[in-house]
Amino acid sequence: MTAPAPLRLIFMGSPEFAVPTLAALVEAGHEILCVYSQPPKPAGRGKALRPTAVHAWAEAHGLDVRTPSSLKGSEAQAEFAALNADAAIVVAYGLILPKAVLEATRLGCFNLHGSLLPRWRGAAPMQRAIEAGDPETGVQVMAMEVGLDTGGIYATARTLISADDTTGTVHDRLASLGATLMVEALPQIASGDLLCVPQAEDGITYAAKIDRAETKIDWTKPAEVLDRAIRAFSPFPGAWCLLPDGARAKILLCQAEAGEGSPGTALDDRLLIACGQGALRLLKIQREGKGPLGAKDFLRGNPISVGNLFS
């Protein structure tokens, strides 16, 4: 069988989630004409400008990188079109693509989306799937159009969400699955051998961006609800509470257990905390200004007694 011809591609992505797909496209022999990524942002104590993960990887591998703050202007759109690409591959880029950009390549723009559409269109699909208690999630290669994640689906890869999954673990699985899926699907899209299936009209949900206000732990909620939220917000931005000594801490991993008491009260000296219904066993904690610790290591320097109050 003849190997598929390499394609001339524009890659558009920003966070770590997008890096495996870019790397896989390079490894597959496609020509990456240019990489588009979010502009560098101030980071760290010195607030020095830090490039995105995709930007850093692309530069390290000798790829041309562009970081426009918008693609709405005619000049930026003309520069994009002048690349004369076969297709644009978009993975968590972070900027809206205007109609002129979507139509500027021979084949179109194809997005790798981290959910099973039409469920969880939008900004935070992995987090919202875990928070809602979905039994599975996945990645899909979809055709891009002007609507928000409304395009037809070319290919899907699925993974189960286990009781101890966090957004961090799901993120890593989907990033790997997505890279393989895109590399396998792209030649078939180019040859016309892969059909684009419209999304179902039923079951549409939207994954709203995580608001920091919702990351404060409300101990009056049921333990199972809090468990899902804590895992959904782990490792970032992190669900948080105040420790009995008043210090702020992120709870990065926990499990729901039986228990009864006033919400927020320690029911033993091993971090079993009462909730509105049931209790949570805290398994990984990050005290403000410190690194994350497992429960045993945390308790060595932060002993907890029965009756101590978490707020």
C-alpha atoms as a PDB file:
ATOM      1  CA  MET A   1       0.000   0.000   0.000  1.00  0.00           C
ATOM      2  CA  THR A   2       1.317   3.434  -0.912  1.00  0.00           C
ATOM      3  CA  ALA A   3       1.965   5.707   2.052  1.00  0.00           C
ATOM      4  CA  PRO A   4      -0.264   8.792   2.099  1.00  0.00           C
ATOM      5  CA  ALA A   5       1.355  11.954   0.812  1.00  0.00           C
ATOM      6  CA  PRO A   6       2.487  14.398   3.502  1.00  0.00           C
ATOM      7  CA  LEU A   7       0.331  17.471   3.903  1.00  0.00           C
ATOM      8  CA  ARG A   8       1.264  21.122   4.207  1.00  0.00           C
ATOM      9  CA  LEU A   9      -0.191  22.095   7.586  1.00  0.00           C
ATOM     10  CA  ILE A  10      -0.694  25.058   9.863  1.00  0.00           C
ATOM     11  CA  PHE A  11      -0.818  24.002  13.507  1.00  0.00           C
ATOM     12  CA  MET A  12      -2.727  26.127  16.016  1.00  0.00           C
ATOM     13  CA  GLY A  13      -2.478  25.297  19.725  1.00  0.00           C
ATOM     14  CA  SER A  14      -1.286  26.638  23.057  1.00  0.00           C
ATOM     15  CA  PRO A  15      -1.252  24.408  26.197  1.00  0.00           C
ATOM     16  CA  GLU A  16       0.547  21.168  26.992  1.00  0.00           C
ATOM     17  CA  PHE A  17      -2.505  19.208  25.806  1.00  0.00           C
ATOM     18  CA  ALA A  18      -1.737  20.222  22.209  1.00  0.00           C
ATOM     19  CA  VAL A  19       1.970  19.303  22.177  1.00  0.00           C
ATOM     20  CA  PRO A  20       1.585  15.523  21.579  1.00  0.00           C
ATOM     21  CA  THR A  21      -0.536  16.170  18.469  1.00  0.00           C
ATOM     22  CA  LEU A  22       1.996  18.619  17.031  1.00  0.00           C
ATOM     23  CA  ALA A  23       4.822  16.179  17.765  1.00  0.00           C
ATOM     24  CA  ALA A  24       2.906  13.294  16.175  1.00  0.00           C
ATOM     25  CA  LEU A  25       2.197  15.298  12.998  1.00  0.00           C
ATOM     26  CA  VAL A  26       5.895  16.132  12.679  1.00  0.00           C
ATOM     27  CA  GLU A  27       6.821  12.499  13.310  1.00  0.00           C
ATOM     28  CA  ALA A  28       4.336  11.387  10.635  1.00  0.00           C
ATOM     29  CA  GLY A  29       6.203  13.471   8.062  1.00  0.00           C
ATOM     30  CA  HIS A  30       3.754  16.297   7.498  1.00  0.00           C
ATOM     31  CA  GLU A  31       5.204  19.713   6.678  1.00  0.00           C
ATOM     32  CA  ILE A  32       4.392  22.210   9.423  1.00  0.00           C
ATOM     33  CA  LEU A  33       4.408  25.538   7.590  1.00  0.00           C
ATOM     34  CA  CYS A  34       3.788  27.594  10.710  1.00  0.00           C
ATOM     35  CA  VAL A  35       2.665  27.207  14.310  1.00  0.00           C
ATOM     36  CA  TYR A  36       0.164  29.669  15.755  1.00  0.00           C
ATOM     37  CA  SER A  37      -0.022  29.993  19.541  1.00  0.00           C
ATOM     38  CA  GLN A  38      -1.256  32.372  22.230  1.00  0.00           C
ATOM     39  CA  PRO A  39       1.106  35.282  22.932  1.00  0.00           C
ATOM     40  CA  PRO A  40       3.640  34.803  25.769  1.00  0.00           C
ATOM     41  CA  LYS A  41       2.305  35.873  29.162  1.00  0.00           C
ATOM     42  CA  PRO A  42       3.977  37.123  32.358  1.00  0.00           C
ATOM     43  CA  ALA A  43       4.722  34.256  34.732  1.00  0.00           C
ATOM     44  CA  GLY A  44       6.701  33.529  37.876  1.00  0.00           C
ATOM     45  CA  ARG A  45       7.926  35.917  40.533  1.00  0.00           C
ATOM     46  CA  GLY A  46       9.776  38.091  38.031  1.00  0.00           C
ATOM     47  CA  LYS A  47       6.754  38.228  35.704  1.00  0.00           C
ATOM     48  CA  ALA A  48       8.985  37.484  32.722  1.00  0.00           C
ATOM     49  CA  LEU A  49       7.138  36.644  29.511  1.00  0.00           C
ATOM     50  CA  ARG A  50       6.734  32.886  29.177  1.00  0.00           C
ATOM     51  CA  PRO A  51       5.783  31.230  25.870  1.00  0.00           C
ATOM     52  CA  THR A  52       3.038  28.611  25.752  1.00  0.00           C
ATOM     53  CA  ALA A  53       3.973  24.941  25.827  1.00  0.00           C
ATOM     54  CA  VAL A  54       3.296  24.663  22.092  1.00  0.00           C
ATOM     55  CA  HIS A  55       5.352  27.781  21.332  1.00  0.00           C
ATOM     56  CA  ALA A  56       8.313  26.455  23.340  1.00  0.00           C
ATOM     57  CA  TRP A  57       8.167  22.998  21.708  1.00  0.00           C
ATOM     58  CA  ALA A  58       7.861  24.447  18.213  1.00  0.00           C
ATOM     59  CA  GLU A  59      10.815  26.798  18.634  1.00  0.00           C
ATOM     60  CA  ALA A  60      12.929  24.004  20.109  1.00  0.00           C
ATOM     61  CA  HIS A  61      12.244  21.956  16.974  1.00  0.00           C
ATOM     62  CA  GLY A  62      12.966  24.738  14.514  1.00  0.00           C
ATOM     63  CA  LEU A  63       9.398  25.566  13.517  1.00  0.00           C
ATOM     64  CA  ASP A  64       8.199  29.048  12.614  1.00  0.00           C
ATOM     65  CA  VAL A  65       5.891  30.455  15.327  1.00  0.00           C
ATOM     66  CA  ARG A  66       3.382  33.298  15.174  1.00  0.00           C
ATOM     67  CA  THR A  67       1.599  34.682  18.240  1.00  0.00           C
ATOM     68  CA  PRO A  68      -1.048  37.191  17.124  1.00  0.00           C
ATOM     69  CA  SER A  69      -3.419  38.469  19.785  1.00  0.00           C
ATOM     70  CA  SER A  70      -6.272  38.283  17.259  1.00  0.00           C
ATOM     71  CA  LEU A  71      -7.038  36.904  13.813  1.00  0.00           C
ATOM     72  CA  LYS A  72      -9.855  39.330  13.114  1.00  0.00           C
ATOM     73  CA  GLY A  73      -7.758  41.848  11.171  1.00  0.00           C
ATOM     74  CA  SER A  74      -7.349  41.690   7.391  1.00  0.00           C
ATOM     75  CA  GLU A  75      -3.540  41.723   7.625  1.00  0.00           C
ATOM     76  CA  ALA A  76      -3.426  38.698   9.960  1.00  0.00           C
ATOM     77  CA  GLN A  77      -5.907  36.851   7.746  1.00  0.00           C
ATOM     78  CA  ALA A  78      -3.898  37.626   4.607  1.00  0.00           C
ATOM     79  CA  GLU A  79      -0.714  36.310   6.270  1.00  0.00           C
ATOM     80  CA  PHE A  80      -2.537  33.127   7.225  1.00  0.00           C
ATOM     81  CA  ALA A  81      -3.909  32.600   3.702  1.00  0.00           C
ATOM     82  CA  ALA A  82      -0.507  33.300   2.124  1.00  0.00           C
ATOM     83  CA  LEU A  83       0.864  30.124   3.710  1.00  0.00           C
ATOM     84  CA  ASN A  84      -1.156  28.196   1.109  1.00  0.00           C
ATOM     85  CA  ALA A  85      -1.721  25.284   3.464  1.00  0.00           C
ATOM     86  CA  ASP A  86      -3.632  22.098   2.779  1.00  0.00           C
ATOM     87  CA  ALA A  87      -5.257  22.277   6.225  1.00  0.00           C
ATOM     88  CA  ALA A  88      -5.078  23.833   9.676  1.00  0.00           C
ATOM     89  CA  ILE A  89      -5.011  21.590  12.747  1.00  0.00           C
ATOM     90  CA  VAL A  90      -6.400  23.255  15.867  1.00  0.00           C
ATOM     91  CA  VAL A  91      -5.901  21.904  19.393  1.00  0.00           C
ATOM     92  CA  ALA A  92      -6.856  24.125  22.344  1.00  0.00           C
ATOM     93  CA  TYR A  93      -5.642  27.245  20.553  1.00  0.00           C
ATOM     94  CA  GLY A  94      -7.659  29.761  22.558  1.00  0.00           C
ATOM     95  CA  LEU A  95      -8.581  32.273  19.855  1.00  0.00           C
ATOM     96  CA  ILE A  96     -11.755  32.384  17.775  1.00  0.00           C
ATOM     97  CA  LEU A  97     -11.123  31.648  14.092  1.00  0.00           C
ATOM     98  CA  PRO A  98     -13.036  34.026  11.795  1.00  0.00           C
ATOM     99  CA  LYS A  99     -14.799  32.717   8.700  1.00  0.00           C
ATOM    100  CA  ALA A 100     -11.985  34.005   6.463  1.00  0.00           C
ATOM    101  CA  VAL A 101      -9.451  31.876   8.353  1.00  0.00           C
ATOM    102  CA  LEU A 102     -11.690  28.806   8.399  1.00  0.00           C
ATOM    103  CA  GLU A 103     -11.952  28.995   4.612  1.00  0.00           C
ATOM    104  CA  ALA A 104      -8.312  29.873   3.856  1.00  0.00           C
ATOM    105  CA  THR A 105      -6.903  26.345   3.449  1.00  0.00           C
ATOM    106  CA  ARG A 106      -7.561  23.754   0.744  1.00  0.00           C
ATOM    107  CA  LEU A 107      -9.195  21.163   2.989  1.00  0.00           C
ATOM    108  CA  GLY A 108     -10.362  23.310   5.904  1.00  0.00           C
ATOM    109  CA  CYS A 109      -9.654  23.540   9.625  1.00  0.00           C
ATOM    110  CA  PHE A 110      -9.874  20.472  11.857  1.00  0.00           C
ATOM    111  CA  ASN A 111     -10.142  20.581  15.623  1.00  0.00           C
ATOM    112  CA  LEU A 112      -9.226  17.992  18.238  1.00  0.00           C
ATOM    113  CA  HIS A 113     -11.862  18.420  20.953  1.00  0.00           C
ATOM    114  CA  GLY A 114     -11.673  16.851  24.420  1.00  0.00           C
ATOM    115  CA  SER A 115     -15.193  15.514  24.829  1.00  0.00           C
ATOM    116  CA  LEU A 116     -17.810  13.333  23.151  1.00  0.00           C
ATOM    117  CA  LEU A 117     -19.769  15.971  21.278  1.00  0.00           C
ATOM    118  CA  PRO A 118     -22.383  17.361  21.431  1.00  0.00           C
ATOM    119  CA  ARG A 119     -21.851  16.873  25.176  1.00  0.00           C
ATOM    120  CA  TRP A 120     -19.537  19.461  26.673  1.00  0.00           C
ATOM    121  CA  ARG A 121     -19.011  21.967  23.936  1.00  0.00           C
ATOM    122  CA  GLY A 122     -16.871  24.863  25.085  1.00  0.00           C
ATOM    123  CA  ALA A 123     -13.936  25.744  27.302  1.00  0.00           C
ATOM    124  CA  ALA A 124     -13.630  23.081  30.036  1.00  0.00           C
ATOM    125  CA  PRO A 125     -14.937  19.742  28.721  1.00  0.00           C
ATOM    126  CA  MET A 126     -12.686  17.443  30.768  1.00  0.00           C
ATOM    127  CA  GLN A 127     -13.408  19.209  34.050  1.00  0.00           C
ATOM    128  CA  ARG A 128     -17.145  19.313  33.496  1.00  0.00           C
ATOM    129  CA  ALA A 129     -17.302  15.632  32.499  1.00  0.00           C
ATOM    130  CA  ILE A 130     -15.636  14.582  35.768  1.00  0.00           C
ATOM    131  CA  GLU A 131     -17.674  17.033  37.830  1.00  0.00           C
ATOM    132  CA  ALA A 132     -20.919  15.708  36.354  1.00  0.00           C
ATOM    133  CA  GLY A 133     -19.978  12.096  37.039  1.00  0.00           C
ATOM    134  CA  ASP A 134     -19.875  11.055  33.378  1.00  0.00           C
ATOM    135  CA  PRO A 135     -18.817   7.400  33.019  1.00  0.00           C
ATOM    136  CA  GLU A 136     -16.666   8.111  29.960  1.00  0.00           C
ATOM    137  CA  THR A 137     -15.193  10.862  27.848  1.00  0.00           C
ATOM    138  CA  GLY A 138     -13.036  11.045  24.755  1.00  0.00           C
ATOM    139  CA  VAL A 139     -11.482  13.049  21.964  1.00  0.00           C
ATOM    140  CA  GLN A 140     -12.911  13.762  18.545  1.00  0.00           C
ATOM    141  CA  VAL A 141     -11.581  15.116  15.276  1.00  0.00           C
ATOM    142  CA  MET A 142     -14.161  17.576  14.032  1.00  0.00           C
ATOM    143  CA  ALA A 143     -14.639  19.970  11.138  1.00  0.00           C
ATOM    144  CA  MET A 144     -14.498  23.568  12.286  1.00  0.00           C
ATOM    145  CA  GLU A 145     -17.191  26.077  11.445  1.00  0.00           C
ATOM    146  CA  VAL A 146     -18.256  29.454  12.787  1.00  0.00           C
ATOM    147  CA  GLY A 147     -20.404  27.984  15.622  1.00  0.00           C
ATOM    148  CA  LEU A 148     -18.874  26.888  18.950  1.00  0.00           C
ATOM    149  CA  ASP A 149     -17.860  23.227  18.555  1.00  0.00           C
ATOM    150  CA  THR A 150     -20.798  22.598  16.216  1.00  0.00           C
ATOM    151  CA  GLY A 151     -18.991  20.970  13.275  1.00  0.00           C
ATOM    152  CA  GLY A 152     -19.349  17.413  12.049  1.00  0.00           C
ATOM    153  CA  ILE A 153     -17.296  14.548  13.502  1.00  0.00           C
ATOM    154  CA  TYR A 154     -14.704  12.554  11.560  1.00  0.00           C
ATOM    155  CA  ALA A 155     -13.224  10.283  14.227  1.00  0.00           C
ATOM    156  CA  THR A 156     -13.604   9.413  17.925  1.00  0.00           C
ATOM    157  CA  ALA A 157     -11.483   7.779  20.642  1.00  0.00           C
ATOM    158  CA  ARG A 158     -13.056   7.000  24.040  1.00  0.00           C
ATOM    159  CA  THR A 159     -11.809   6.394  27.567  1.00  0.00           C
ATOM    160  CA  LEU A 160     -13.572   5.472  30.805  1.00  0.00           C
ATOM    161  CA  ILE A 161     -13.526   7.891  33.751  1.00  0.00           C
ATOM    162  CA  SER A 162     -12.598   5.970  36.889  1.00  0.00           C
ATOM    163  CA  ALA A 163     -13.427   6.873  40.498  1.00  0.00           C
ATOM    164  CA  ASP A 164      -9.873   8.108  41.109  1.00  0.00           C
ATOM    165  CA  ASP A 165      -9.402  10.029  37.862  1.00  0.00           C
ATOM    166  CA  THR A 166      -8.605  13.720  38.045  1.00  0.00           C
ATOM    167  CA  THR A 167      -8.544  16.213  35.205  1.00  0.00           C
ATOM    168  CA  GLY A 168      -4.771  15.723  35.259  1.00  0.00           C
ATOM    169  CA  THR A 169      -4.947  11.981  34.561  1.00  0.00           C
ATOM    170  CA  VAL A 170      -7.755  12.314  32.009  1.00  0.00           C
ATOM    171  CA  HIS A 171      -5.879  15.173  30.303  1.00  0.00           C
ATOM    172  CA  ASP A 172      -2.791  13.015  29.801  1.00  0.00           C
ATOM    173  CA  ARG A 173      -4.762  10.068  28.398  1.00  0.00           C
ATOM    174  CA  LEU A 174      -6.750  12.236  26.023  1.00  0.00           C
ATOM    175  CA  ALA A 175      -3.656  14.115  24.836  1.00  0.00           C
ATOM    176  CA  SER A 176      -2.054  10.809  23.850  1.00  0.00           C
ATOM    177  CA  LEU A 177      -5.245   9.365  22.353  1.00  0.00           C
ATOM    178  CA  GLY A 178      -5.854  12.581  20.446  1.00  0.00           C
ATOM    179  CA  ALA A 179      -2.416  12.675  18.876  1.00  0.00           C
ATOM    180  CA  THR A 180      -2.855   9.150  17.517  1.00  0.00           C
ATOM    181  CA  LEU A 181      -6.407   9.857  16.382  1.00  0.00           C
ATOM    182  CA  MET A 182      -5.465  12.994  14.444  1.00  0.00           C
ATOM    183  CA  VAL A 183      -2.521  11.351  12.681  1.00  0.00           C
ATOM    184  CA  GLU A 184      -4.697   8.390  11.671  1.00  0.00           C
ATOM    185  CA  ALA A 185      -7.681  10.473  10.588  1.00  0.00           C
ATOM    186  CA  LEU A 186      -5.966  13.241   8.645  1.00  0.00           C
ATOM    187  CA  PRO A 187      -4.854  11.224   5.573  1.00  0.00           C
ATOM    188  CA  GLN A 188      -8.314   9.684   5.331  1.00  0.00           C
ATOM    189  CA  ILE A 189      -9.923  13.128   5.494  1.00  0.00           C
ATOM    190  CA  ALA A 190      -7.592  14.357   2.759  1.00  0.00           C
ATOM    191  CA  SER A 191      -8.398  11.382   0.521  1.00  0.00           C
ATOM    192  CA  GLY A 192     -12.134  11.621   1.120  1.00  0.00           C
ATOM    193  CA  ASP A 193     -12.260   8.153   2.685  1.00  0.00           C
ATOM    194  CA  LEU A 194     -13.489   9.384   6.065  1.00  0.00           C
ATOM    195  CA  LEU A 195     -17.047  10.656   6.316  1.00  0.00           C
ATOM    196  CA  CYS A 196     -17.986  13.732   8.315  1.00  0.00           C
ATOM    197  CA  VAL A 197     -20.985  12.841  10.498  1.00  0.00           C
ATOM    198  CA  PRO A 198     -23.188  15.700  11.770  1.00  0.00           C
ATOM    199  CA  GLN A 199     -23.492  16.007  15.537  1.00  0.00           C
ATOM    200  CA  ALA A 200     -26.657  14.816  17.206  1.00  0.00           C
ATOM    201  CA  GLU A 201     -29.197  17.529  17.894  1.00  0.00           C
ATOM    202  CA  ASP A 202     -30.047  16.046  21.296  1.00  0.00           C
ATOM    203  CA  GLY A 203     -27.782  16.010  24.355  1.00  0.00           C
ATOM    204  CA  ILE A 204     -26.068  19.352  23.818  1.00  0.00           C
ATOM    205  CA  THR A 205     -24.358  20.690  26.948  1.00  0.00           C
ATOM    206  CA  TYR A 206     -21.860  23.504  27.449  1.00  0.00           C
ATOM    207  CA  ALA A 207     -18.661  23.275  29.475  1.00  0.00           C
ATOM    208  CA  ALA A 208     -18.357  26.727  30.989  1.00  0.00           C
ATOM    209  CA  LYS A 209     -14.923  28.065  31.840  1.00  0.00           C
ATOM    210  CA  ILE A 210     -13.951  27.354  35.456  1.00  0.00           C
ATOM    211  CA  ASP A 211     -14.740  30.332  37.675  1.00  0.00           C
ATOM    212  CA  ARG A 212     -12.377  30.573  40.653  1.00  0.00           C
ATOM    213  CA  ALA A 213     -15.357  31.370  42.879  1.00  0.00           C
ATOM    214  CA  GLU A 214     -16.677  27.821  42.377  1.00  0.00           C
ATOM    215  CA  THR A 215     -13.419  26.223  43.530  1.00  0.00           C
ATOM    216  CA  LYS A 216     -14.024  27.028  47.217  1.00  0.00           C
ATOM    217  CA  ILE A 217     -15.104  23.808  48.932  1.00  0.00           C
ATOM    218  CA  ASP A 218     -18.579  23.984  50.488  1.00  0.00           C
ATOM    219  CA  TRP A 219     -18.569  21.256  53.121  1.00  0.00           C
ATOM    220  CA  THR A 220     -22.377  21.358  53.362  1.00  0.00           C
ATOM    221  CA  LYS A 221     -22.616  19.604  49.989  1.00  0.00           C
ATOM    222  CA  PRO A 222     -22.760  15.790  49.744  1.00  0.00           C
ATOM    223  CA  ALA A 223     -19.405  14.009  49.820  1.00  0.00           C
ATOM    224  CA  GLU A 224     -19.914  12.435  46.380  1.00  0.00           C
ATOM    225  CA  VAL A 225     -20.570  15.850  44.829  1.00  0.00           C
ATOM    226  CA  LEU A 226     -17.475  17.343  46.450  1.00  0.00           C
ATOM    227  CA  ASP A 227     -15.349  14.346  45.466  1.00  0.00           C
ATOM    228  CA  ARG A 228     -16.202  14.862  41.792  1.00  0.00           C
ATOM    229  CA  ALA A 229     -15.605  18.618  41.982  1.00  0.00           C
ATOM    230  CA  ILE A 230     -12.246  18.208  43.729  1.00  0.00           C
ATOM    231  CA  ARG A 231     -11.070  15.706  41.116  1.00  0.00           C
ATOM    232  CA  ALA A 232     -12.407  17.926  38.322  1.00  0.00           C
ATOM    233  CA  PHE A 233     -10.386  20.921  39.542  1.00  0.00           C
ATOM    234  CA  SER A 234      -7.209  18.908  40.189  1.00  0.00           C
ATOM    235  CA  PRO A 235      -4.451  19.815  39.602  1.00  0.00           C
ATOM    236  CA  PHE A 236      -5.534  23.249  38.367  1.00  0.00           C
ATOM    237  CA  PRO A 237      -6.981  25.554  39.534  1.00  0.00           C
ATOM    238  CA  GLY A 238      -7.464  23.319  42.577  1.00  0.00           C
ATOM    239  CA  ALA A 239     -10.430  23.110  44.934  1.00  0.00           C
ATOM    240  CA  TRP A 240      -9.490  24.819  48.189  1.00  0.00           C
ATOM    241  CA  CYS A 241     -10.492  25.316  51.802  1.00  0.00           C
ATOM    242  CA  LEU A 242      -9.126  26.797  55.002  1.00  0.00           C
ATOM    243  CA  LEU A 243      -7.309  24.423  57.339  1.00  0.00           C
ATOM    244  CA  PRO A 244      -8.068  24.434  61.095  1.00  0.00           C
ATOM    245  CA  ASP A 245      -5.104  26.803  61.628  1.00  0.00           C
ATOM    246  CA  GLY A 246      -6.559  29.261  59.075  1.00  0.00           C
ATOM    247  CA  ALA A 247      -4.083  28.525  56.287  1.00  0.00           C
ATOM    248  CA  ARG A 248      -5.398  28.072  52.777  1.00  0.00           C
ATOM    249  CA  ALA A 249      -4.858  24.694  51.089  1.00  0.00           C
ATOM    250  CA  LYS A 250      -5.790  22.960  47.856  1.00  0.00           C
ATOM    251  CA  ILE A 251      -7.340  19.504  48.088  1.00  0.00           C
ATOM    252  CA  LEU A 252      -6.064  17.584  45.067  1.00  0.00           C
ATOM    253  CA  LEU A 253      -7.360  14.088  45.710  1.00  0.00           C
ATOM    254  CA  CYS A 254      -9.909  12.500  48.046  1.00  0.00           C
ATOM    255  CA  GLN A 255     -12.485   9.734  48.284  1.00  0.00           C
ATOM    256  CA  ALA A 256     -16.009   9.627  49.613  1.00  0.00           C
ATOM    257  CA  GLU A 257     -16.591   7.474  52.708  1.00  0.00           C
ATOM    258  CA  ALA A 258     -19.276   6.873  55.279  1.00  0.00           C
ATOM    259  CA  GLY A 259     -19.336   9.360  58.133  1.00  0.00           C
ATOM    260  CA  GLU A 260     -21.602  11.789  59.926  1.00  0.00           C
ATOM    261  CA  GLY A 261     -20.997  15.067  61.678  1.00  0.00           C
ATOM    262  CA  SER A 262     -21.164  18.827  61.405  1.00  0.00           C
ATOM    263  CA  PRO A 263     -19.949  19.801  57.881  1.00  0.00           C
ATOM    264  CA  GLY A 264     -16.237  20.592  57.828  1.00  0.00           C
ATOM    265  CA  THR A 265     -15.469  18.766  61.093  1.00  0.00           C
ATOM    266  CA  ALA A 266     -12.625  16.232  61.293  1.00  0.00           C
ATOM    267  CA  LEU A 267     -14.118  12.870  62.255  1.00  0.00           C
ATOM    268  CA  ASP A 268     -10.741  11.244  62.979  1.00  0.00           C
ATOM    269  CA  ASP A 269      -7.062  12.185  63.019  1.00  0.00           C
ATOM    270  CA  ARG A 270      -6.488  10.873  59.474  1.00  0.00           C
ATOM    271  CA  LEU A 271      -8.284  13.577  57.484  1.00  0.00           C
ATOM    272  CA  LEU A 272     -11.816  12.213  57.323  1.00  0.00           C
ATOM    273  CA  ILE A 273     -13.941  15.370  57.032  1.00  0.00           C
ATOM    274  CA  ALA A 274     -17.717  15.467  57.504  1.00  0.00           C
ATOM    275  CA  CYS A 275     -19.861  16.771  54.655  1.00  0.00           C
ATOM    276  CA  GLY A 276     -23.546  17.572  54.238  1.00  0.00           C
ATOM    277  CA  GLN A 277     -24.020  13.880  53.469  1.00  0.00           C
ATOM    278  CA  GLY A 278     -21.245  11.385  54.141  1.00  0.00           C
ATOM    279  CA  ALA A 279     -17.593  12.344  54.531  1.00  0.00           C
ATOM    280  CA  LEU A 280     -14.431  12.886  52.495  1.00  0.00           C
ATOM    281  CA  ARG A 281     -11.086  11.238  53.132  1.00  0.00           C
ATOM    282  CA  LEU A 282      -8.446  13.766  52.028  1.00  0.00           C
ATOM    283  CA  LEU A 283      -5.614  11.989  50.205  1.00  0.00           C
ATOM    284  CA  LYS A 284      -3.469  14.744  48.691  1.00  0.00           C
ATOM    285  CA  ILE A 285      -3.183  18.294  50.008  1.00  0.00           C
ATOM    286  CA  GLN A 286      -1.188  21.355  48.987  1.00  0.00           C
ATOM    287  CA  ARG A 287      -0.805  23.950  51.716  1.00  0.00           C
ATOM    288  CA  GLU A 288      -0.431  27.469  50.302  1.00  0.00           C
ATOM    289  CA  GLY A 289       3.202  28.170  49.430  1.00  0.00           C
ATOM    290  CA  LYS A 290       4.147  24.476  49.700  1.00  0.00           C
ATOM    291  CA  GLY A 291       4.261  21.483  47.381  1.00  0.00           C
ATOM    292  CA  PRO A 292       1.536  18.813  47.230  1.00  0.00           C
ATOM    293  CA  LEU A 293       1.747  16.053  49.845  1.00  0.00           C
ATOM    294  CA  GLY A 294       0.063  12.722  50.426  1.00  0.00           C
ATOM    295  CA  ALA A 295      -2.036  12.478  53.576  1.00  0.00           C
ATOM    296  CA  LYS A 296       0.606  10.745  55.731  1.00  0.00           C
ATOM    297  CA  ASP A 297       3.340  13.227  54.855  1.00  0.00           C
ATOM    298  CA  PHE A 298       0.953  16.164  55.328  1.00  0.00           C
ATOM    299  CA  LEU A 299      -0.079  14.985  58.803  1.00  0.00           C
ATOM    300  CA  ARG A 300       3.542  14.776  59.994  1.00  0.00           C
ATOM    301  CA  GLY A 301       3.799  18.549  59.877  1.00  0.00           C
ATOM    302  CA  ASN A 302       0.116  19.380  60.227  1.00  0.00           C
ATOM    303  CA  PRO A 303      -1.489  17.124  62.842  1.00  0.00           C
ATOM    304  CA  ILE A 304      -5.302  17.042  62.819  1.00  0.00           C
ATOM    305  CA  SER A 305      -7.448  16.093  65.800  1.00  0.00           C
ATOM    306  CA  VAL A 306     -11.047  14.946  66.020  1.00  0.00           C
ATOM    307  CA  GLY A 307     -13.295  17.995  66.105  1.00  0.00           C
ATOM    308  CA  ASN A 308     -10.928  20.324  64.202  1.00  0.00           C
ATOM    309  CA  LEU A 309     -12.833  22.483  61.734  1.00  0.00           C
ATOM    310  CA  PHE A 310     -12.097  22.897  58.024  1.00  0.00           C
ATOM    311  CA  SER A 311     -13.845  25.897  56.451  1.00  0.00           C
END
